[in-house]
Amino acid sequence: MILETIKISSVNIEDRKALGIRAGDTVRVWIKIEEKGKTRTQAFEGLVLARKHGNEAGATFTVRKVASGVGVERIFPLFSPMIDKIEIVKRSRVRRSKLYFIREKVAREIRRQMRKMKMVTLSTKSEKEEAEEKMKEEEEKAKIESEETKEGVVEEVEATETPTEEVSDKVEEVVEEIKEDIDETDEKKEEK
């Protein structure tokens, strides 16, 4: 009588059982991912937090990793055909069968580090804010220049002691220059 082994799954169940994954192990799980009709493998490496349901068909293990500063957890079925291979990278001795406290421990560490940080408000200015700031600076410069020209005219008038007609002519010229400066700044405002 010839005994034939019946293959229930495409996964080598005995090899997966023999791995002996347990909490505290750092594992690299190679997952098959289908995209546009093609299959590729992608590694998910992290700490095993829990192993559940022993070696039965529904056995699972939870893996946690930190990706871009965010904790990511995945629960993998031990005998899933979507898992290409499982590598145990590192074994750690732990005193618990479930390491769920790691989640809170990491959060506590982050909170502790946040206490040491200083609050800083740094930002860039929007184009609108920059344009408004430039306009204010130009207006202030125009005001300062007009005040300086007025003072200069008054000093000239006092120094020369010319007749009132000449003084009134110079004052009118200065007033016209100031009006032109104001018109230019108004035009720049309308353009922006």
N, C-alpha and C. Protein backbone atom coordinates (compact mmCIF):
# COMPACT_ATOMS: atom_id res chain seq x y z
N MET A 1 0.83 -1.17 0.00
CA MET A 1 0.00 0.00 0.00
C MET A 1 0.89 1.24 0.00
N ILE A 2 0.64 2.11 -0.91
CA ILE A 2 1.43 3.33 -1.05
C ILE A 2 0.68 4.47 -0.38
N LEU A 3 1.41 5.15 0.53
CA LEU A 3 0.80 6.31 1.21
C LEU A 3 1.15 7.58 0.44
N GLU A 4 0.12 8.31 0.11
CA GLU A 4 0.34 9.58 -0.56
C GLU A 4 0.02 10.70 0.42
N THR A 5 0.89 11.68 0.43
CA THR A 5 0.61 12.82 1.30
C THR A 5 -0.29 13.80 0.56
N ILE A 6 -1.30 14.22 1.24
CA ILE A 6 -2.22 15.19 0.64
C ILE A 6 -1.74 16.58 1.02
N LYS A 7 -1.57 17.40 0.01
CA LYS A 7 -1.08 18.75 0.25
C LYS A 7 -2.29 19.67 0.42
N ILE A 8 -2.43 20.20 1.63
CA ILE A 8 -3.57 21.06 1.93
C ILE A 8 -3.28 22.49 1.53
N SER A 9 -2.04 22.93 1.73
CA SER A 9 -1.68 24.33 1.49
C SER A 9 -0.39 24.39 0.69
N SER A 10 -0.17 25.52 0.02
CA SER A 10 1.06 25.71 -0.73
C SER A 10 2.22 26.07 0.20
N VAL A 11 1.91 26.25 1.48
CA VAL A 11 2.92 26.64 2.48
C VAL A 11 3.48 25.37 3.12
N ASN A 12 4.76 25.39 3.40
CA ASN A 12 5.39 24.29 4.12
C ASN A 12 5.10 24.49 5.61
N ILE A 13 4.04 23.85 6.09
CA ILE A 13 3.55 24.05 7.45
C ILE A 13 4.58 23.62 8.48
N GLU A 14 5.27 22.55 8.24
CA GLU A 14 6.24 22.05 9.22
C GLU A 14 7.40 23.04 9.42
N ASP A 15 7.84 23.66 8.33
CA ASP A 15 8.92 24.66 8.45
C ASP A 15 8.47 25.86 9.28
N ARG A 16 7.25 26.31 9.04
CA ARG A 16 6.73 27.48 9.78
C ARG A 16 6.56 27.14 11.27
N LYS A 17 6.13 25.91 11.56
CA LYS A 17 6.00 25.50 12.97
C LYS A 17 7.37 25.47 13.63
N ALA A 18 8.36 24.98 12.90
CA ALA A 18 9.70 24.81 13.45
C ALA A 18 10.40 26.15 13.73
N LEU A 19 9.94 27.21 13.09
CA LEU A 19 10.55 28.54 13.32
C LEU A 19 10.47 28.93 14.79
N GLY A 20 9.35 28.65 15.40
CA GLY A 20 9.18 28.97 16.82
C GLY A 20 9.18 30.47 17.09
N ILE A 21 8.43 31.21 16.30
CA ILE A 21 8.33 32.66 16.52
C ILE A 21 7.69 32.91 17.87
N ARG A 22 8.27 33.84 18.64
CA ARG A 22 7.69 34.18 19.94
C ARG A 22 7.86 35.68 20.18
N ALA A 23 7.17 36.17 21.19
CA ALA A 23 7.22 37.60 21.52
C ALA A 23 8.65 37.99 21.86
N GLY A 24 9.06 39.15 21.38
CA GLY A 24 10.42 39.63 21.62
C GLY A 24 11.34 39.42 20.45
N ASP A 25 10.95 38.58 19.50
CA ASP A 25 11.77 38.35 18.32
C ASP A 25 11.65 39.54 17.37
N THR A 26 12.74 39.84 16.70
CA THR A 26 12.69 40.81 15.61
C THR A 26 12.68 40.00 14.33
N VAL A 27 11.61 40.14 13.56
CA VAL A 27 11.44 39.32 12.36
C VAL A 27 11.34 40.18 11.12
N ARG A 28 11.69 39.58 9.98
CA ARG A 28 11.51 40.21 8.68
C ARG A 28 10.56 39.30 7.89
N VAL A 29 9.36 39.81 7.63
CA VAL A 29 8.33 39.04 6.93
C VAL A 29 8.28 39.52 5.48
N TRP A 30 8.51 38.60 4.56
CA TRP A 30 8.46 38.94 3.13
C TRP A 30 7.05 38.64 2.62
N ILE A 31 6.32 39.69 2.23
CA ILE A 31 4.92 39.58 1.82
C ILE A 31 4.84 39.66 0.30
N LYS A 32 3.99 38.83 -0.29
CA LYS A 32 3.75 38.90 -1.73
C LYS A 32 2.69 39.97 -1.98
N ILE A 33 2.99 40.90 -2.88
CA ILE A 33 2.06 41.97 -3.21
C ILE A 33 1.81 41.93 -4.71
N GLU A 34 0.53 41.91 -5.08
CA GLU A 34 0.17 41.90 -6.49
C GLU A 34 -0.18 43.31 -6.93
N GLU A 35 0.47 43.77 -8.00
CA GLU A 35 0.18 45.08 -8.57
C GLU A 35 0.15 44.95 -10.08
N LYS A 36 -0.96 45.33 -10.66
CA LYS A 36 -1.14 45.33 -12.12
C LYS A 36 -0.77 43.99 -12.74
N GLY A 37 -1.20 42.92 -12.12
CA GLY A 37 -0.95 41.59 -12.66
C GLY A 37 0.43 41.02 -12.34
N LYS A 38 1.29 41.82 -11.74
CA LYS A 38 2.63 41.33 -11.38
C LYS A 38 2.71 41.14 -9.87
N THR A 39 3.55 40.22 -9.45
CA THR A 39 3.73 39.96 -8.03
C THR A 39 5.14 40.35 -7.63
N ARG A 40 5.24 41.08 -6.52
CA ARG A 40 6.55 41.44 -5.98
C ARG A 40 6.53 41.14 -4.49
N THR A 41 7.71 41.06 -3.88
CA THR A 41 7.78 40.82 -2.44
C THR A 41 8.28 42.08 -1.75
N GLN A 42 7.73 42.32 -0.57
CA GLN A 42 8.11 43.48 0.22
C GLN A 42 8.35 43.04 1.66
N ALA A 43 9.40 43.55 2.25
CA ALA A 43 9.76 43.16 3.62
C ALA A 43 9.05 44.05 4.64
N PHE A 44 8.60 43.44 5.72
CA PHE A 44 8.04 44.17 6.86
C PHE A 44 8.83 43.69 8.07
N GLU A 45 9.73 44.54 8.57
CA GLU A 45 10.61 44.12 9.66
C GLU A 45 10.22 44.84 10.94
N GLY A 46 10.07 44.08 12.00
CA GLY A 46 9.71 44.70 13.27
C GLY A 46 9.75 43.71 14.41
N LEU A 47 9.27 44.17 15.56
CA LEU A 47 9.27 43.40 16.80
C LEU A 47 7.96 42.62 16.92
N VAL A 48 8.07 41.34 17.27
CA VAL A 48 6.87 40.53 17.48
C VAL A 48 6.31 40.87 18.87
N LEU A 49 5.09 41.41 18.90
CA LEU A 49 4.45 41.76 20.16
C LEU A 49 3.70 40.59 20.76
N ALA A 50 3.09 39.78 19.88
CA ALA A 50 2.27 38.69 20.39
C ALA A 50 2.24 37.54 19.40
N ARG A 51 2.04 36.37 19.94
CA ARG A 51 1.84 35.17 19.13
C ARG A 51 0.58 34.51 19.69
N LYS A 52 -0.40 34.23 18.83
CA LYS A 52 -1.68 33.70 19.31
C LYS A 52 -2.05 32.42 18.59
N HIS A 53 -2.84 31.61 19.24
CA HIS A 53 -3.45 30.39 18.71
C HIS A 53 -2.45 29.29 18.39
N GLY A 54 -1.32 29.28 19.09
CA GLY A 54 -0.37 28.16 19.01
C GLY A 54 0.09 27.83 17.61
N ASN A 55 -0.05 26.54 17.24
CA ASN A 55 0.37 26.08 15.91
C ASN A 55 -0.82 25.58 15.10
N GLU A 56 -2.03 25.98 15.48
CA GLU A 56 -3.20 25.54 14.72
C GLU A 56 -3.32 26.33 13.42
N ALA A 57 -4.29 26.00 12.62
CA ALA A 57 -4.43 26.60 11.30
C ALA A 57 -4.63 28.11 11.34
N GLY A 58 -5.25 28.62 12.40
CA GLY A 58 -5.51 30.06 12.51
C GLY A 58 -4.48 30.81 13.32
N ALA A 59 -3.28 30.26 13.45
CA ALA A 59 -2.24 30.90 14.26
C ALA A 59 -1.84 32.25 13.65
N THR A 60 -1.64 33.25 14.53
CA THR A 60 -1.24 34.58 14.06
C THR A 60 -0.10 35.12 14.92
N PHE A 61 0.60 36.11 14.37
CA PHE A 61 1.60 36.84 15.15
C PHE A 61 1.52 38.31 14.76
N THR A 62 1.71 39.18 15.76
CA THR A 62 1.60 40.63 15.56
C THR A 62 3.00 41.22 15.52
N VAL A 63 3.28 42.01 14.48
CA VAL A 63 4.59 42.63 14.30
C VAL A 63 4.42 44.14 14.32
N ARG A 64 5.29 44.83 15.06
CA ARG A 64 5.23 46.30 15.16
C ARG A 64 6.55 46.88 14.67
N LYS A 65 6.44 47.93 13.85
CA LYS A 65 7.63 48.66 13.44
C LYS A 65 7.31 50.15 13.46
N VAL A 66 8.34 50.97 13.45
CA VAL A 66 8.15 52.42 13.40
C VAL A 66 8.59 52.88 12.02
N ALA A 67 7.64 53.44 11.27
CA ALA A 67 7.91 53.92 9.92
C ALA A 67 7.66 55.42 9.88
N SER A 68 8.69 56.20 9.59
CA SER A 68 8.61 57.67 9.51
C SER A 68 8.07 58.26 10.80
N GLY A 69 8.48 57.71 11.92
CA GLY A 69 8.05 58.24 13.21
C GLY A 69 6.67 57.81 13.66
N VAL A 70 6.04 56.94 12.91
CA VAL A 70 4.70 56.46 13.25
C VAL A 70 4.75 54.96 13.47
N GLY A 71 4.18 54.50 14.57
CA GLY A 71 4.15 53.07 14.85
C GLY A 71 3.14 52.37 13.96
N VAL A 72 3.57 51.28 13.32
CA VAL A 72 2.70 50.51 12.42
C VAL A 72 2.70 49.06 12.90
N GLU A 73 1.50 48.50 13.06
CA GLU A 73 1.39 47.10 13.48
C GLU A 73 0.62 46.33 12.43
N ARG A 74 1.06 45.10 12.20
CA ARG A 74 0.34 44.20 11.29
C ARG A 74 0.20 42.84 11.96
N ILE A 75 -0.94 42.24 11.74
CA ILE A 75 -1.18 40.89 12.25
C ILE A 75 -1.10 39.95 11.05
N PHE A 76 -0.17 39.01 11.12
CA PHE A 76 0.03 38.06 10.03
C PHE A 76 -0.46 36.68 10.43
N PRO A 77 -1.20 36.00 9.54
CA PRO A 77 -1.50 34.58 9.77
C PRO A 77 -0.21 33.79 9.55
N LEU A 78 0.10 32.91 10.46
CA LEU A 78 1.36 32.18 10.38
C LEU A 78 1.47 31.33 9.12
N PHE A 79 0.37 30.72 8.71
CA PHE A 79 0.41 29.81 7.57
C PHE A 79 -0.18 30.42 6.30
N SER A 80 -0.14 31.73 6.18
CA SER A 80 -0.71 32.40 5.01
C SER A 80 0.15 32.17 3.77
N PRO A 81 -0.47 31.82 2.64
CA PRO A 81 0.30 31.67 1.40
C PRO A 81 0.80 33.01 0.85
N MET A 82 0.27 34.14 1.35
CA MET A 82 0.71 35.46 0.91
C MET A 82 2.06 35.84 1.54
N ILE A 83 2.49 35.07 2.53
CA ILE A 83 3.81 35.30 3.11
C ILE A 83 4.80 34.42 2.39
N ASP A 84 5.79 35.05 1.74
CA ASP A 84 6.78 34.31 0.98
C ASP A 84 7.74 33.59 1.93
N LYS A 85 8.33 34.35 2.86
CA LYS A 85 9.22 33.72 3.84
C LYS A 85 9.27 34.60 5.09
N ILE A 86 9.70 33.97 6.18
CA ILE A 86 9.83 34.67 7.46
C ILE A 86 11.25 34.46 7.95
N GLU A 87 11.95 35.55 8.27
CA GLU A 87 13.31 35.46 8.79
C GLU A 87 13.32 36.00 10.21
N ILE A 88 13.95 35.27 11.11
CA ILE A 88 14.13 35.78 12.46
C ILE A 88 15.49 36.47 12.49
N VAL A 89 15.46 37.80 12.66
CA VAL A 89 16.67 38.61 12.61
C VAL A 89 17.38 38.60 13.96
N LYS A 90 16.59 38.72 15.04
CA LYS A 90 17.18 38.82 16.37
C LYS A 90 16.22 38.21 17.39
N ARG A 91 16.79 37.55 18.38
CA ARG A 91 15.97 36.99 19.46
C ARG A 91 16.29 37.74 20.74
N SER A 92 15.26 38.18 21.44
CA SER A 92 15.45 38.86 22.72
C SER A 92 14.77 38.05 23.81
N ARG A 93 15.36 38.08 24.99
CA ARG A 93 14.75 37.39 26.12
C ARG A 93 13.77 38.34 26.77
N VAL A 94 12.51 37.95 26.81
CA VAL A 94 11.47 38.78 27.43
C VAL A 94 10.76 37.97 28.50
N ARG A 95 10.10 38.68 29.41
CA ARG A 95 9.43 38.00 30.52
C ARG A 95 7.92 37.99 30.36
N ARG A 96 7.45 38.37 29.22
CA ARG A 96 6.00 38.41 28.97
C ARG A 96 5.70 37.68 27.67
N SER A 97 4.49 37.14 27.58
CA SER A 97 4.08 36.47 26.34
C SER A 97 3.45 37.46 25.37
N LYS A 98 2.96 38.58 25.90
CA LYS A 98 2.39 39.63 25.05
C LYS A 98 3.07 40.94 25.43
N LEU A 99 3.61 41.63 24.45
CA LEU A 99 4.38 42.85 24.72
C LEU A 99 3.59 44.11 24.34
N TYR A 100 2.32 44.15 24.66
CA TYR A 100 1.49 45.30 24.30
C TYR A 100 1.92 46.57 25.03
N PHE A 101 2.61 46.42 26.15
CA PHE A 101 3.04 47.59 26.92
C PHE A 101 4.05 48.43 26.15
N ILE A 102 4.65 47.86 25.09
CA ILE A 102 5.62 48.59 24.27
C ILE A 102 4.97 49.83 23.66
N ARG A 103 3.70 49.73 23.29
CA ARG A 103 2.99 50.87 22.69
C ARG A 103 3.00 52.06 23.63
N GLU A 104 2.60 51.83 24.89
CA GLU A 104 2.56 52.92 25.86
C GLU A 104 3.96 53.39 26.22
N LYS A 105 4.89 52.46 26.27
CA LYS A 105 6.26 52.82 26.62
C LYS A 105 6.84 53.78 25.59
N VAL A 106 6.60 53.49 24.32
CA VAL A 106 7.08 54.38 23.25
C VAL A 106 6.42 55.74 23.37
N ALA A 107 5.10 55.76 23.63
CA ALA A 107 4.38 57.03 23.76
C ALA A 107 4.92 57.82 24.94
N ARG A 108 5.24 57.14 26.05
CA ARG A 108 5.80 57.82 27.22
C ARG A 108 7.15 58.44 26.89
N GLU A 109 7.98 57.69 26.16
CA GLU A 109 9.29 58.20 25.78
C GLU A 109 9.15 59.46 24.93
N ILE A 110 8.22 59.43 24.00
CA ILE A 110 8.02 60.59 23.12
C ILE A 110 7.55 61.78 23.94
N ARG A 111 6.61 61.54 24.88
CA ARG A 111 6.13 62.64 25.72
C ARG A 111 7.27 63.22 26.56
N ARG A 112 8.15 62.35 27.05
CA ARG A 112 9.28 62.81 27.84
C ARG A 112 10.22 63.68 27.00
N GLN A 113 10.44 63.26 25.78
CA GLN A 113 11.30 64.03 24.89
C GLN A 113 10.63 65.36 24.52
N MET A 114 9.32 65.34 24.39
CA MET A 114 8.59 66.57 24.04
C MET A 114 8.71 67.61 25.15
N ARG A 115 8.79 67.18 26.40
CA ARG A 115 8.93 68.12 27.52
C ARG A 115 10.23 68.90 27.42
N LYS A 116 11.27 68.26 26.88
CA LYS A 116 12.57 68.91 26.76
C LYS A 116 12.61 69.88 25.59
N MET A 117 11.68 69.74 24.66
CA MET A 117 11.68 70.61 23.48
C MET A 117 11.13 71.98 23.81
N LYS A 118 11.55 72.96 23.06
CA LYS A 118 11.06 74.32 23.24
C LYS A 118 10.04 74.62 22.15
N MET A 119 9.06 75.43 22.51
CA MET A 119 8.07 75.85 21.53
C MET A 119 8.67 76.96 20.67
N VAL A 120 8.69 76.76 19.40
CA VAL A 120 9.24 77.75 18.47
C VAL A 120 8.23 77.94 17.36
N THR A 121 7.97 79.17 17.04
CA THR A 121 7.06 79.43 15.92
C THR A 121 7.86 80.06 14.79
N LEU A 122 8.31 79.23 13.90
CA LEU A 122 9.03 79.68 12.72
C LEU A 122 8.20 79.34 11.50
N SER A 123 8.06 80.30 10.63
CA SER A 123 7.32 80.02 9.40
C SER A 123 7.79 80.95 8.31
N THR A 124 7.46 80.59 7.12
CA THR A 124 7.76 81.45 5.99
C THR A 124 6.57 82.36 5.75
N LYS A 125 6.81 83.44 5.06
CA LYS A 125 5.73 84.38 4.77
C LYS A 125 5.14 84.05 3.41
N SER A 126 3.85 84.27 3.30
CA SER A 126 3.21 84.06 2.01
C SER A 126 3.58 85.22 1.08
N GLU A 127 3.35 85.05 -0.19
CA GLU A 127 3.68 86.09 -1.17
C GLU A 127 2.90 87.36 -0.87
N LYS A 128 1.66 87.21 -0.45
CA LYS A 128 0.83 88.36 -0.14
C LYS A 128 1.41 89.15 1.04
N GLU A 129 1.81 88.44 2.11
CA GLU A 129 2.39 89.10 3.27
C GLU A 129 3.68 89.82 2.90
N GLU A 130 4.53 89.18 2.06
CA GLU A 130 5.77 89.81 1.64
C GLU A 130 5.49 91.08 0.85
N ALA A 131 4.50 91.02 -0.06
CA ALA A 131 4.15 92.19 -0.86
C ALA A 131 3.65 93.33 0.03
N GLU A 132 2.80 93.00 1.01
CA GLU A 132 2.29 94.02 1.93
C GLU A 132 3.43 94.65 2.73
N GLU A 133 4.38 93.82 3.16
CA GLU A 133 5.51 94.31 3.94
C GLU A 133 6.36 95.26 3.10
N LYS A 134 6.60 94.91 1.83
CA LYS A 134 7.37 95.77 0.94
C LYS A 134 6.67 97.10 0.73
N MET A 135 5.35 97.05 0.57
CA MET A 135 4.58 98.28 0.37
C MET A 135 4.70 99.19 1.58
N LYS A 136 4.60 98.62 2.78
CA LYS A 136 4.74 99.41 4.01
C LYS A 136 6.12 100.05 4.09
N GLU A 137 7.15 99.29 3.77
CA GLU A 137 8.51 99.82 3.80
C GLU A 137 8.68 100.96 2.81
N GLU A 138 8.13 100.80 1.60
CA GLU A 138 8.23 101.85 0.59
C GLU A 138 7.49 103.10 1.03
N GLU A 139 6.31 102.93 1.63
CA GLU A 139 5.55 104.08 2.12
C GLU A 139 6.32 104.82 3.20
N GLU A 140 6.93 104.05 4.12
CA GLU A 140 7.72 104.67 5.19
C GLU A 140 8.91 105.43 4.61
N LYS A 141 9.59 104.83 3.62
CA LYS A 141 10.72 105.51 2.97
C LYS A 141 10.26 106.80 2.30
N ALA A 142 9.12 106.74 1.62
CA ALA A 142 8.59 107.93 0.94
C ALA A 142 8.27 109.03 1.95
N LYS A 143 7.67 108.65 3.08
CA LYS A 143 7.35 109.64 4.12
C LYS A 143 8.62 110.27 4.66
N ILE A 144 9.63 109.44 4.94
CA ILE A 144 10.89 109.95 5.48
C ILE A 144 11.55 110.89 4.47
N GLU A 145 11.58 110.49 3.20
CA GLU A 145 12.18 111.33 2.16
C GLU A 145 11.44 112.65 2.03
N SER A 146 10.10 112.60 2.06
CA SER A 146 9.34 113.84 1.92
C SER A 146 9.58 114.76 3.11
N GLU A 147 9.70 114.19 4.32
CA GLU A 147 10.00 115.00 5.50
C GLU A 147 11.39 115.62 5.38
N GLU A 148 12.36 114.83 4.89
CA GLU A 148 13.72 115.34 4.72
C GLU A 148 13.76 116.46 3.71
N THR A 149 13.03 116.29 2.60
CA THR A 149 13.01 117.35 1.59
C THR A 149 12.34 118.61 2.13
N LYS A 150 11.28 118.46 2.91
CA LYS A 150 10.63 119.62 3.51
C LYS A 150 11.60 120.35 4.43
N GLU A 151 12.31 119.58 5.28
CA GLU A 151 13.28 120.18 6.19
C GLU A 151 14.39 120.87 5.42
N GLY A 152 14.84 120.24 4.34
CA GLY A 152 15.91 120.83 3.51
C GLY A 152 15.46 122.13 2.88
N VAL A 153 14.23 122.18 2.40
CA VAL A 153 13.70 123.39 1.79
C VAL A 153 13.59 124.49 2.83
N VAL A 154 13.09 124.14 4.00
CA VAL A 154 12.96 125.14 5.05
C VAL A 154 14.33 125.69 5.44
N GLU A 155 15.32 124.80 5.55
CA GLU A 155 16.67 125.24 5.90
C GLU A 155 17.25 126.13 4.81
N GLU A 156 17.02 125.77 3.55
CA GLU A 156 17.50 126.58 2.43
C GLU A 156 16.87 127.97 2.47
N VAL A 157 15.58 127.97 2.71
CA VAL A 157 14.86 129.25 2.74
C VAL A 157 15.40 130.12 3.87
N GLU A 158 15.60 129.53 5.02
CA GLU A 158 16.11 130.29 6.15
C GLU A 158 17.52 130.78 5.88
N ALA A 159 18.34 129.94 5.21
CA ALA A 159 19.72 130.29 4.96
C ALA A 159 19.84 131.40 3.91
N THR A 160 19.05 131.33 2.89
CA THR A 160 19.17 132.31 1.80
C THR A 160 18.42 133.59 2.09
N GLU A 161 17.41 133.54 2.89
CA GLU A 161 16.58 134.69 3.21
C GLU A 161 16.17 135.40 1.93
N THR A 162 15.55 134.62 1.03
CA THR A 162 15.08 135.16 -0.23
C THR A 162 13.70 135.76 -0.05
N PRO A 163 13.27 136.51 -1.00
CA PRO A 163 11.93 137.09 -0.93
C PRO A 163 10.87 135.99 -0.91
N THR A 164 9.70 136.30 -0.46
CA THR A 164 8.62 135.34 -0.29
C THR A 164 8.18 134.68 -1.59
N GLU A 165 8.31 135.32 -2.72
CA GLU A 165 7.90 134.72 -4.01
C GLU A 165 8.78 133.49 -4.32
N GLU A 166 10.08 133.64 -4.12
CA GLU A 166 10.99 132.53 -4.40
C GLU A 166 10.72 131.36 -3.43
N VAL A 167 10.45 131.70 -2.18
CA VAL A 167 10.15 130.67 -1.19
C VAL A 167 8.88 129.94 -1.58
N SER A 168 7.86 130.65 -1.95
CA SER A 168 6.59 130.02 -2.33
C SER A 168 6.77 129.13 -3.56
N ASP A 169 7.63 129.55 -4.52
CA ASP A 169 7.91 128.73 -5.70
C ASP A 169 8.58 127.41 -5.29
N LYS A 170 9.57 127.47 -4.39
CA LYS A 170 10.26 126.26 -3.94
C LYS A 170 9.31 125.35 -3.16
N VAL A 171 8.47 125.94 -2.34
CA VAL A 171 7.50 125.15 -1.59
C VAL A 171 6.55 124.44 -2.54
N GLU A 172 6.10 125.13 -3.58
CA GLU A 172 5.20 124.51 -4.56
C GLU A 172 5.90 123.34 -5.28
N GLU A 173 7.20 123.51 -5.61
CA GLU A 173 7.95 122.44 -6.26
C GLU A 173 8.03 121.20 -5.35
N VAL A 174 8.32 121.45 -4.08
CA VAL A 174 8.43 120.35 -3.12
C VAL A 174 7.09 119.65 -2.97
N VAL A 175 6.00 120.43 -2.89
CA VAL A 175 4.66 119.86 -2.77
C VAL A 175 4.35 119.01 -4.00
N GLU A 176 4.71 119.48 -5.19
CA GLU A 176 4.47 118.71 -6.41
C GLU A 176 5.27 117.39 -6.40
N GLU A 177 6.53 117.44 -5.92
CA GLU A 177 7.35 116.23 -5.82
C GLU A 177 6.71 115.22 -4.87
N ILE A 178 6.22 115.72 -3.76
CA ILE A 178 5.58 114.84 -2.78
C ILE A 178 4.33 114.20 -3.38
N LYS A 179 3.52 114.99 -4.10
CA LYS A 179 2.32 114.45 -4.75
C LYS A 179 2.69 113.37 -5.76
N GLU A 180 3.77 113.58 -6.52
CA GLU A 180 4.22 112.59 -7.49
C GLU A 180 4.64 111.29 -6.78
N ASP A 181 5.37 111.43 -5.65
CA ASP A 181 5.78 110.24 -4.88
C ASP A 181 4.56 109.47 -4.40
N ILE A 182 3.57 110.19 -3.91
CA ILE A 182 2.35 109.54 -3.42
C ILE A 182 1.62 108.84 -4.56
N ASP A 183 1.53 109.49 -5.72
CA ASP A 183 0.88 108.88 -6.88
C ASP A 183 1.60 107.61 -7.31
N GLU A 184 2.94 107.62 -7.29
CA GLU A 184 3.72 106.44 -7.66
C GLU A 184 3.44 105.28 -6.71
N THR A 185 3.41 105.56 -5.41
CA THR A 185 3.13 104.49 -4.45
C THR A 185 1.72 103.95 -4.62
N ASP A 186 0.75 104.83 -4.92
CA ASP A 186 -0.63 104.38 -5.17
C ASP A 186 -0.69 103.48 -6.39
N GLU A 187 0.04 103.84 -7.45
CA GLU A 187 0.06 103.02 -8.66
C GLU A 187 0.67 101.64 -8.38
N LYS A 188 1.73 101.61 -7.58
CA LYS A 188 2.36 100.33 -7.22
C LYS A 188 1.39 99.47 -6.42
N LYS A 189 0.63 100.09 -5.55
CA LYS A 189 -0.36 99.33 -4.77
C LYS A 189 -1.40 98.73 -5.70
N GLU A 190 -1.88 99.50 -6.64
CA GLU A 190 -2.91 99.01 -7.56
C GLU A 190 -2.38 97.88 -8.44
N GLU A 191 -1.11 97.95 -8.80
CA GLU A 191 -0.52 96.89 -9.63
C GLU A 191 -0.46 95.57 -8.85
N LYS A 192 -0.09 95.66 -7.59
CA LYS A 192 0.06 94.44 -6.79
C LYS A 192 -1.29 94.00 -6.29
